[in-house]
């Protein structure tokens, strides 16, 4: 790690970002944007900046022309987490489809507090690892394995309304 990378990492940690991934179930991990750098498995990158935008630019795809980019082991989502409700169903559906059958999986977002753990909750429910048929019950179950889960107000309001659709009820 270069001195500049070490300084940037220290600043992110000082701002409260989760520096390392947490294994929430065997083979299933949740983390921040730093977590994916050395992860040996499939990764869902749930952050528009920097992950999605960097990959979009690397592939020379026009800005605003797509919602996700993927390869064999990475899914980059053009997703953000505002304090108000926005429709995230396309992202949850894509993640649930893309992660099917993947044994070693990391979901990551900038801080590891809202988007990536929310996506992991849906993955774990789909795999039978969470039982909550309503969002609040699922949250309580998930907090036992990932106590740092703090969804944004917009994500929480959206999940409260759409959790039954996400989990297929």
N, C-alpha and C. Protein backbone atom coordinates (compact mmCIF):
# COMPACT_ATOMS: atom_id res chain seq x y z
N UNK A 1 0.85 -1.17 0.00
CA UNK A 1 0.00 0.00 0.00
C UNK A 1 0.90 1.24 0.00
N UNK A 2 0.60 2.17 -0.88
CA UNK A 2 1.39 3.39 -0.96
C UNK A 2 1.07 4.30 0.23
N UNK A 3 1.95 5.26 0.52
CA UNK A 3 1.64 6.20 1.61
C UNK A 3 0.34 6.96 1.38
N UNK A 4 0.04 7.32 0.12
CA UNK A 4 -1.21 8.03 -0.18
C UNK A 4 -2.41 7.13 0.10
N UNK A 5 -2.31 5.85 -0.25
CA UNK A 5 -3.41 4.91 0.02
C UNK A 5 -3.60 4.71 1.52
N UNK A 6 -2.49 4.66 2.26
CA UNK A 6 -2.58 4.51 3.71
C UNK A 6 -3.25 5.72 4.35
N UNK A 7 -2.92 6.91 3.87
CA UNK A 7 -3.55 8.13 4.39
C UNK A 7 -5.04 8.14 4.07
N UNK A 8 -5.38 7.80 2.83
CA UNK A 8 -6.80 7.76 2.43
C UNK A 8 -7.56 6.74 3.26
N UNK A 9 -6.96 5.58 3.51
CA UNK A 9 -7.60 4.55 4.33
C UNK A 9 -7.82 5.07 5.75
N UNK A 10 -6.81 5.71 6.33
CA UNK A 10 -6.93 6.25 7.69
C UNK A 10 -8.03 7.30 7.77
N UNK A 11 -8.16 8.13 6.74
CA UNK A 11 -9.22 9.15 6.73
C UNK A 11 -10.59 8.50 6.66
N UNK A 12 -10.73 7.45 5.83
CA UNK A 12 -12.03 6.75 5.74
C UNK A 12 -12.39 6.12 7.07
N UNK A 13 -11.43 5.49 7.72
CA UNK A 13 -11.68 4.88 9.02
C UNK A 13 -12.07 5.95 10.03
N UNK A 14 -11.38 7.09 10.00
CA UNK A 14 -11.69 8.19 10.92
C UNK A 14 -13.10 8.72 10.70
N UNK A 15 -13.62 8.64 9.47
CA UNK A 15 -14.99 9.09 9.17
C UNK A 15 -16.01 8.01 9.52
N UNK A 16 -15.56 6.88 10.05
CA UNK A 16 -16.49 5.85 10.51
C UNK A 16 -16.78 4.77 9.50
N UNK A 17 -16.03 4.68 8.41
CA UNK A 17 -16.27 3.63 7.44
C UNK A 17 -15.70 2.31 7.95
N UNK A 18 -16.41 1.24 7.68
CA UNK A 18 -15.96 -0.08 8.07
C UNK A 18 -14.78 -0.48 7.19
N UNK A 19 -13.58 -0.68 7.77
CA UNK A 19 -12.42 -0.96 6.93
C UNK A 19 -12.34 -2.40 6.42
N UNK A 20 -12.88 -3.35 7.14
CA UNK A 20 -12.76 -4.74 6.76
C UNK A 20 -14.14 -5.36 6.57
N UNK A 21 -14.17 -6.44 5.82
CA UNK A 21 -15.43 -7.15 5.62
C UNK A 21 -15.74 -8.01 6.85
N UNK A 22 -17.02 -8.25 7.04
CA UNK A 22 -17.50 -9.11 8.13
C UNK A 22 -18.19 -10.31 7.51
N UNK A 23 -17.81 -11.50 7.96
CA UNK A 23 -18.48 -12.71 7.49
C UNK A 23 -19.77 -12.87 8.29
N UNK A 24 -20.92 -12.80 7.60
CA UNK A 24 -22.21 -12.85 8.27
C UNK A 24 -22.80 -14.26 8.28
N UNK A 25 -22.27 -15.11 7.43
CA UNK A 25 -22.64 -16.52 7.34
C UNK A 25 -21.50 -17.17 6.56
N UNK A 26 -21.26 -18.46 6.71
CA UNK A 26 -20.13 -19.06 6.00
C UNK A 26 -20.14 -18.72 4.50
N UNK A 27 -19.08 -18.03 4.07
CA UNK A 27 -18.92 -17.65 2.67
C UNK A 27 -19.59 -16.35 2.26
N UNK A 28 -20.38 -15.75 3.14
CA UNK A 28 -21.09 -14.51 2.83
C UNK A 28 -20.52 -13.37 3.66
N UNK A 29 -20.10 -12.31 2.97
CA UNK A 29 -19.39 -11.20 3.60
C UNK A 29 -20.05 -9.87 3.25
N UNK A 30 -19.97 -8.91 4.17
CA UNK A 30 -20.44 -7.55 3.95
C UNK A 30 -19.28 -6.61 4.29
N UNK A 31 -19.09 -5.57 3.46
CA UNK A 31 -18.00 -4.66 3.75
C UNK A 31 -18.14 -3.31 3.08
N UNK A 32 -17.07 -2.54 3.21
CA UNK A 32 -17.01 -1.20 2.63
C UNK A 32 -16.23 -1.25 1.33
N UNK A 33 -16.01 -0.09 0.73
CA UNK A 33 -15.36 -0.06 -0.59
C UNK A 33 -13.94 -0.61 -0.55
N UNK A 34 -13.28 -0.61 0.59
CA UNK A 34 -11.94 -1.18 0.68
C UNK A 34 -11.96 -2.70 0.73
N UNK A 35 -13.07 -3.29 1.14
CA UNK A 35 -13.15 -4.73 1.36
C UNK A 35 -12.91 -5.56 0.11
N UNK A 36 -13.25 -5.02 -1.04
CA UNK A 36 -13.21 -5.82 -2.26
C UNK A 36 -11.82 -5.91 -2.88
N UNK A 37 -10.88 -5.11 -2.43
CA UNK A 37 -9.59 -5.04 -3.09
C UNK A 37 -8.86 -6.37 -3.15
N UNK A 38 -8.93 -7.16 -2.11
CA UNK A 38 -8.22 -8.44 -2.08
C UNK A 38 -9.17 -9.62 -1.86
N UNK A 39 -10.44 -9.44 -2.13
CA UNK A 39 -11.41 -10.50 -1.87
C UNK A 39 -11.31 -11.57 -2.95
N UNK A 40 -11.26 -12.82 -2.52
CA UNK A 40 -11.14 -13.95 -3.44
C UNK A 40 -12.50 -14.63 -3.57
N UNK A 41 -13.37 -14.04 -4.37
CA UNK A 41 -14.71 -14.56 -4.57
C UNK A 41 -15.50 -13.58 -5.41
N UNK A 42 -16.80 -13.79 -5.48
CA UNK A 42 -17.68 -12.91 -6.24
C UNK A 42 -17.97 -11.65 -5.41
N UNK A 43 -18.07 -10.50 -6.10
CA UNK A 43 -18.28 -9.22 -5.40
C UNK A 43 -19.42 -8.45 -6.04
N UNK A 44 -20.35 -8.00 -5.21
CA UNK A 44 -21.38 -7.05 -5.63
C UNK A 44 -20.91 -5.68 -5.14
N UNK A 45 -20.60 -4.80 -6.08
CA UNK A 45 -20.16 -3.44 -5.76
C UNK A 45 -21.40 -2.54 -5.79
N UNK A 46 -21.91 -2.18 -4.62
CA UNK A 46 -23.15 -1.41 -4.54
C UNK A 46 -22.88 0.07 -4.31
N UNK A 47 -22.01 0.63 -5.13
CA UNK A 47 -21.74 2.06 -5.01
C UNK A 47 -21.48 2.65 -6.39
N UNK A 48 -22.16 3.75 -6.63
CA UNK A 48 -21.99 4.45 -7.91
C UNK A 48 -20.60 5.02 -8.01
N UNK A 49 -20.15 5.69 -6.93
CA UNK A 49 -18.80 6.28 -6.90
C UNK A 49 -18.02 5.61 -5.79
N UNK A 50 -16.86 5.12 -5.98
CA UNK A 50 -16.11 5.15 -7.22
C UNK A 50 -16.29 3.90 -8.09
N UNK A 51 -16.78 2.82 -7.52
CA UNK A 51 -16.73 1.51 -8.19
C UNK A 51 -17.39 1.48 -9.56
N UNK A 52 -18.70 1.78 -9.61
CA UNK A 52 -19.42 1.70 -10.89
C UNK A 52 -18.83 2.66 -11.91
N UNK A 53 -18.60 3.91 -11.51
CA UNK A 53 -18.10 4.90 -12.45
C UNK A 53 -16.72 4.55 -12.99
N UNK A 54 -15.87 3.99 -12.15
CA UNK A 54 -14.54 3.58 -12.63
C UNK A 54 -14.65 2.44 -13.64
N UNK A 55 -15.49 1.48 -13.35
CA UNK A 55 -15.64 0.35 -14.28
C UNK A 55 -16.30 0.79 -15.58
N UNK A 56 -17.30 1.67 -15.48
CA UNK A 56 -17.95 2.20 -16.68
C UNK A 56 -16.94 2.94 -17.55
N UNK A 57 -16.11 3.76 -16.92
CA UNK A 57 -15.10 4.50 -17.68
C UNK A 57 -14.06 3.56 -18.28
N UNK A 58 -13.67 2.54 -17.53
CA UNK A 58 -12.69 1.58 -18.03
C UNK A 58 -13.21 0.89 -19.29
N UNK A 59 -14.48 0.63 -19.32
CA UNK A 59 -15.10 -0.03 -20.48
C UNK A 59 -15.52 0.97 -21.56
N UNK A 60 -15.33 2.24 -21.28
CA UNK A 60 -15.67 3.31 -22.21
C UNK A 60 -17.15 3.29 -22.60
N UNK A 61 -18.00 3.13 -21.58
CA UNK A 61 -19.45 3.14 -21.76
C UNK A 61 -19.95 4.54 -21.40
N UNK A 62 -20.85 5.09 -22.20
CA UNK A 62 -21.37 6.43 -21.96
C UNK A 62 -22.05 6.52 -20.59
N UNK A 63 -21.83 7.62 -19.91
CA UNK A 63 -22.44 7.86 -18.61
C UNK A 63 -23.95 7.87 -18.72
N UNK A 64 -24.61 7.27 -17.76
CA UNK A 64 -26.07 7.26 -17.73
C UNK A 64 -26.71 6.26 -18.67
N UNK A 65 -25.90 5.43 -19.35
CA UNK A 65 -26.46 4.53 -20.34
C UNK A 65 -26.81 3.15 -19.79
N UNK A 66 -26.45 2.86 -18.56
CA UNK A 66 -26.78 1.55 -18.02
C UNK A 66 -26.85 1.58 -16.51
N UNK A 67 -27.48 0.54 -15.96
CA UNK A 67 -27.68 0.45 -14.52
C UNK A 67 -26.66 -0.45 -13.84
N UNK A 68 -26.03 -1.33 -14.61
CA UNK A 68 -25.03 -2.22 -14.02
C UNK A 68 -24.04 -2.67 -15.08
N UNK A 69 -22.89 -3.14 -14.61
CA UNK A 69 -21.86 -3.74 -15.45
C UNK A 69 -21.46 -5.02 -14.73
N UNK A 70 -21.17 -6.08 -15.47
CA UNK A 70 -20.78 -7.31 -14.80
C UNK A 70 -19.74 -8.07 -15.60
N UNK A 71 -19.00 -8.92 -14.88
CA UNK A 71 -18.13 -9.89 -15.50
C UNK A 71 -18.31 -11.19 -14.72
N UNK A 72 -17.41 -12.12 -14.85
CA UNK A 72 -17.59 -13.43 -14.23
C UNK A 72 -17.64 -13.38 -12.70
N UNK A 73 -16.93 -12.45 -12.09
CA UNK A 73 -16.87 -12.42 -10.62
C UNK A 73 -17.25 -11.09 -10.00
N UNK A 74 -17.68 -10.11 -10.79
CA UNK A 74 -18.03 -8.80 -10.26
C UNK A 74 -19.32 -8.28 -10.87
N UNK A 75 -20.15 -7.69 -10.02
CA UNK A 75 -21.35 -6.99 -10.45
C UNK A 75 -21.25 -5.58 -9.90
N UNK A 76 -21.14 -4.60 -10.79
CA UNK A 76 -21.06 -3.19 -10.40
C UNK A 76 -22.43 -2.57 -10.61
N UNK A 77 -23.00 -1.97 -9.56
CA UNK A 77 -24.33 -1.38 -9.63
C UNK A 77 -24.24 0.14 -9.65
N UNK A 78 -25.04 0.75 -10.51
CA UNK A 78 -25.17 2.20 -10.54
C UNK A 78 -26.26 2.55 -9.53
N UNK A 79 -25.87 2.52 -8.26
CA UNK A 79 -26.83 2.65 -7.17
C UNK A 79 -26.29 3.65 -6.14
N UNK A 80 -27.17 4.43 -5.59
CA UNK A 80 -26.78 5.36 -4.53
C UNK A 80 -27.84 5.30 -3.44
N UNK A 81 -27.62 5.99 -2.36
CA UNK A 81 -28.41 5.82 -1.15
C UNK A 81 -28.83 7.18 -0.58
N UNK A 82 -29.82 7.82 -1.20
CA UNK A 82 -30.24 9.14 -0.71
C UNK A 82 -31.09 9.03 0.56
N UNK A 83 -31.29 10.14 1.25
CA UNK A 83 -32.11 10.12 2.46
C UNK A 83 -33.61 10.08 2.18
N UNK A 84 -34.00 9.96 0.93
CA UNK A 84 -35.40 9.86 0.56
C UNK A 84 -35.61 8.57 -0.23
N UNK A 85 -36.86 8.19 -0.42
CA UNK A 85 -37.19 6.92 -1.07
C UNK A 85 -36.97 7.00 -2.57
N UNK A 86 -36.23 6.04 -3.10
CA UNK A 86 -36.12 5.85 -4.55
C UNK A 86 -36.32 4.36 -4.82
N UNK A 87 -36.77 4.02 -6.01
CA UNK A 87 -37.02 2.63 -6.35
C UNK A 87 -35.70 1.89 -6.54
N UNK A 88 -35.49 0.87 -5.75
CA UNK A 88 -34.28 0.06 -5.81
C UNK A 88 -34.58 -1.36 -6.28
N UNK A 89 -35.82 -1.65 -6.70
CA UNK A 89 -36.21 -3.02 -7.00
C UNK A 89 -35.33 -3.64 -8.09
N UNK A 90 -34.99 -2.87 -9.12
CA UNK A 90 -34.15 -3.42 -10.19
C UNK A 90 -32.84 -3.95 -9.63
N UNK A 91 -32.25 -3.22 -8.67
CA UNK A 91 -30.96 -3.63 -8.10
C UNK A 91 -31.11 -4.91 -7.28
N UNK A 92 -32.14 -4.98 -6.47
CA UNK A 92 -32.35 -6.18 -5.65
C UNK A 92 -32.62 -7.39 -6.54
N UNK A 93 -33.43 -7.23 -7.55
CA UNK A 93 -33.70 -8.35 -8.46
C UNK A 93 -32.43 -8.82 -9.18
N UNK A 94 -31.64 -7.86 -9.66
CA UNK A 94 -30.40 -8.21 -10.35
C UNK A 94 -29.45 -8.93 -9.41
N UNK A 95 -29.30 -8.43 -8.20
CA UNK A 95 -28.40 -9.04 -7.23
C UNK A 95 -28.86 -10.46 -6.87
N UNK A 96 -30.14 -10.63 -6.64
CA UNK A 96 -30.63 -11.97 -6.29
C UNK A 96 -30.43 -12.95 -7.44
N UNK A 97 -30.61 -12.50 -8.66
CA UNK A 97 -30.36 -13.35 -9.83
C UNK A 97 -28.86 -13.65 -9.97
N UNK A 98 -28.03 -12.63 -9.91
CA UNK A 98 -26.59 -12.77 -10.17
C UNK A 98 -25.89 -13.59 -9.10
N UNK A 99 -26.35 -13.51 -7.85
CA UNK A 99 -25.67 -14.21 -6.76
C UNK A 99 -26.10 -15.65 -6.58
N UNK A 100 -27.12 -16.08 -7.28
CA UNK A 100 -27.59 -17.46 -7.16
C UNK A 100 -26.46 -18.43 -7.49
N UNK A 101 -26.20 -19.34 -6.59
CA UNK A 101 -25.18 -20.36 -6.80
C UNK A 101 -23.76 -19.93 -6.47
N UNK A 102 -23.56 -18.71 -6.10
CA UNK A 102 -22.21 -18.24 -5.75
C UNK A 102 -21.97 -18.52 -4.27
N UNK A 103 -20.95 -19.31 -4.00
CA UNK A 103 -20.69 -19.75 -2.62
C UNK A 103 -19.92 -18.72 -1.79
N UNK A 104 -18.93 -18.07 -2.38
CA UNK A 104 -18.14 -17.07 -1.65
C UNK A 104 -18.47 -15.71 -2.24
N UNK A 105 -19.10 -14.87 -1.43
CA UNK A 105 -19.70 -13.65 -1.94
C UNK A 105 -19.50 -12.50 -0.96
N UNK A 106 -19.13 -11.35 -1.51
CA UNK A 106 -19.01 -10.11 -0.75
C UNK A 106 -19.95 -9.09 -1.36
N UNK A 107 -20.76 -8.42 -0.53
CA UNK A 107 -21.48 -7.23 -0.96
C UNK A 107 -20.77 -6.06 -0.30
N UNK A 108 -20.48 -5.02 -1.08
CA UNK A 108 -19.79 -3.87 -0.52
C UNK A 108 -20.38 -2.59 -1.06
N UNK A 109 -20.37 -1.58 -0.21
CA UNK A 109 -20.74 -0.22 -0.61
C UNK A 109 -19.71 0.71 0.01
N UNK A 110 -19.88 1.99 -0.14
CA UNK A 110 -18.86 2.93 0.33
C UNK A 110 -18.52 2.74 1.81
N UNK A 111 -19.54 2.69 2.66
CA UNK A 111 -19.29 2.64 4.09
C UNK A 111 -19.59 1.28 4.73
N UNK A 112 -20.38 0.44 4.07
CA UNK A 112 -20.73 -0.85 4.65
C UNK A 112 -21.83 -0.77 5.69
N UNK A 113 -22.64 0.30 5.63
CA UNK A 113 -23.69 0.49 6.63
C UNK A 113 -25.11 0.29 6.08
N UNK A 114 -25.37 0.60 4.81
CA UNK A 114 -26.74 0.65 4.31
C UNK A 114 -26.98 -0.24 3.09
N UNK A 115 -26.42 0.13 1.94
CA UNK A 115 -26.72 -0.60 0.70
C UNK A 115 -26.25 -2.05 0.72
N UNK A 116 -24.96 -2.26 0.99
CA UNK A 116 -24.45 -3.64 0.93
C UNK A 116 -25.09 -4.54 1.98
N UNK A 117 -25.28 -4.11 3.23
CA UNK A 117 -25.96 -5.00 4.15
C UNK A 117 -27.43 -5.23 3.80
N UNK A 118 -28.10 -4.23 3.23
CA UNK A 118 -29.49 -4.42 2.81
C UNK A 118 -29.58 -5.48 1.71
N UNK A 119 -28.66 -5.41 0.76
CA UNK A 119 -28.62 -6.43 -0.29
C UNK A 119 -28.31 -7.80 0.30
N UNK A 120 -27.37 -7.86 1.25
CA UNK A 120 -27.02 -9.14 1.86
C UNK A 120 -28.20 -9.72 2.64
N UNK A 121 -28.99 -8.87 3.27
CA UNK A 121 -30.19 -9.37 3.97
C UNK A 121 -31.10 -10.11 2.99
N UNK A 122 -31.30 -9.54 1.81
CA UNK A 122 -32.15 -10.18 0.80
C UNK A 122 -31.53 -11.50 0.33
N UNK A 123 -30.22 -11.52 0.13
CA UNK A 123 -29.53 -12.74 -0.29
C UNK A 123 -29.69 -13.82 0.78
N UNK A 124 -29.45 -13.43 2.03
CA UNK A 124 -29.56 -14.40 3.12
C UNK A 124 -30.99 -14.92 3.27
N UNK A 125 -31.97 -14.05 3.08
CA UNK A 125 -33.36 -14.51 3.16
C UNK A 125 -33.64 -15.50 2.03
N UNK A 126 -33.20 -15.17 0.83
CA UNK A 126 -33.41 -16.05 -0.33
C UNK A 126 -32.79 -17.43 -0.08
N UNK A 127 -31.67 -17.46 0.63
CA UNK A 127 -30.97 -18.73 0.91
C UNK A 127 -31.49 -19.43 2.17
N UNK A 128 -32.53 -18.87 2.78
CA UNK A 128 -33.11 -19.49 3.96
C UNK A 128 -32.35 -19.23 5.25
N UNK A 129 -31.46 -18.25 5.25
CA UNK A 129 -30.65 -17.95 6.43
C UNK A 129 -31.31 -16.91 7.34
N UNK A 130 -32.30 -16.19 6.84
CA UNK A 130 -33.13 -15.28 7.62
C UNK A 130 -34.57 -15.69 7.39
N UNK A 131 -35.39 -15.56 8.40
CA UNK A 131 -36.78 -16.00 8.30
C UNK A 131 -37.80 -14.87 8.28
N UNK A 132 -37.38 -13.67 8.64
CA UNK A 132 -38.32 -12.55 8.79
C UNK A 132 -39.12 -12.27 7.53
N UNK A 133 -40.44 -12.39 7.63
CA UNK A 133 -41.29 -12.11 6.47
C UNK A 133 -41.60 -10.61 6.36
N UNK A 134 -41.30 -9.85 7.41
CA UNK A 134 -41.40 -8.40 7.32
C UNK A 134 -40.00 -7.84 7.57
N UNK A 135 -39.77 -6.64 7.09
CA UNK A 135 -38.44 -6.05 7.14
C UNK A 135 -37.90 -5.90 8.55
N UNK A 136 -38.71 -5.41 9.48
CA UNK A 136 -38.22 -5.18 10.84
C UNK A 136 -37.76 -6.48 11.51
N UNK A 137 -38.48 -7.57 11.27
CA UNK A 137 -38.08 -8.86 11.84
C UNK A 137 -36.78 -9.34 11.21
N UNK A 138 -36.68 -9.21 9.89
CA UNK A 138 -35.45 -9.60 9.20
C UNK A 138 -34.28 -8.75 9.70
N UNK A 139 -34.50 -7.46 9.90
CA UNK A 139 -33.46 -6.56 10.40
C UNK A 139 -32.95 -7.06 11.76
N UNK A 140 -33.87 -7.39 12.66
CA UNK A 140 -33.47 -7.86 13.99
C UNK A 140 -32.63 -9.14 13.89
N UNK A 141 -33.01 -10.04 13.00
CA UNK A 141 -32.22 -11.26 12.78
C UNK A 141 -30.83 -10.91 12.23
N UNK A 142 -30.80 -10.02 11.25
CA UNK A 142 -29.54 -9.66 10.59
C UNK A 142 -28.60 -8.93 11.55
N UNK A 143 -29.15 -8.10 12.42
CA UNK A 143 -28.32 -7.36 13.37
C UNK A 143 -27.51 -8.28 14.29
N UNK A 144 -27.99 -9.49 14.48
CA UNK A 144 -27.25 -10.44 15.31
C UNK A 144 -25.91 -10.81 14.69
N UNK A 145 -25.84 -10.81 13.36
CA UNK A 145 -24.59 -11.15 12.67
C UNK A 145 -23.88 -9.93 12.11
N UNK A 146 -24.58 -8.80 12.00
CA UNK A 146 -23.98 -7.58 11.45
C UNK A 146 -24.52 -6.37 12.23
N UNK A 147 -24.05 -6.17 13.45
CA UNK A 147 -24.60 -5.10 14.30
C UNK A 147 -24.36 -3.69 13.79
N UNK A 148 -23.45 -3.50 12.85
CA UNK A 148 -23.18 -2.17 12.32
C UNK A 148 -24.16 -1.74 11.22
N UNK A 149 -25.19 -2.55 10.94
CA UNK A 149 -26.18 -2.21 9.93
C UNK A 149 -26.94 -0.95 10.34
N UNK A 150 -26.85 0.09 9.49
CA UNK A 150 -27.56 1.35 9.72
C UNK A 150 -28.09 1.85 8.38
N UNK A 151 -29.25 1.36 7.97
CA UNK A 151 -29.78 1.81 6.67
C UNK A 151 -30.12 3.29 6.69
N UNK A 152 -29.93 3.93 5.54
CA UNK A 152 -30.33 5.33 5.42
C UNK A 152 -31.85 5.41 5.57
N UNK A 153 -32.34 6.59 5.82
CA UNK A 153 -33.79 6.78 5.97
C UNK A 153 -34.53 6.35 4.70
N UNK A 154 -34.00 6.71 3.54
CA UNK A 154 -34.64 6.35 2.28
C UNK A 154 -34.65 4.85 2.06
N UNK A 155 -33.52 4.18 2.32
CA UNK A 155 -33.45 2.73 2.15
C UNK A 155 -34.41 2.04 3.11
N UNK A 156 -34.42 2.48 4.36
CA UNK A 156 -35.31 1.86 5.35
C UNK A 156 -36.78 2.01 4.96
N UNK A 157 -37.19 3.21 4.56
CA UNK A 157 -38.59 3.42 4.17
C UNK A 157 -38.95 2.55 2.96
N UNK A 158 -38.04 2.47 2.00
CA UNK A 158 -38.30 1.66 0.80
C UNK A 158 -38.38 0.18 1.16
N UNK A 159 -37.46 -0.31 1.99
CA UNK A 159 -37.48 -1.73 2.39
C UNK A 159 -38.71 -2.07 3.22
N UNK A 160 -39.15 -1.16 4.08
CA UNK A 160 -40.37 -1.40 4.86
C UNK A 160 -41.55 -1.69 3.93
N UNK A 161 -41.63 -0.95 2.85
CA UNK A 161 -42.75 -1.12 1.92
C UNK A 161 -42.57 -2.32 0.99
N UNK A 162 -41.36 -2.56 0.51
CA UNK A 162 -41.16 -3.55 -0.56
C UNK A 162 -40.52 -4.87 -0.13
N UNK A 163 -40.23 -5.05 1.16
CA UNK A 163 -39.61 -6.29 1.61
C UNK A 163 -40.39 -7.53 1.15
N UNK A 164 -41.72 -7.57 1.28
CA UNK A 164 -42.44 -8.77 0.82
C UNK A 164 -42.20 -9.07 -0.66
N UNK A 165 -42.13 -8.05 -1.51
CA UNK A 165 -41.86 -8.26 -2.92
C UNK A 165 -40.43 -8.75 -3.15
N UNK A 166 -39.49 -8.20 -2.41
CA UNK A 166 -38.08 -8.60 -2.56
C UNK A 166 -37.91 -10.07 -2.24
N UNK A 167 -38.55 -10.52 -1.16
CA UNK A 167 -38.37 -11.91 -0.74
C UNK A 167 -39.37 -12.86 -1.41
N UNK A 168 -40.23 -12.31 -2.26
CA UNK A 168 -41.15 -13.16 -3.02
C UNK A 168 -42.39 -13.59 -2.30
N UNK A 169 -42.88 -12.78 -1.37
CA UNK A 169 -44.11 -13.12 -0.62
C UNK A 169 -45.27 -12.32 -1.13
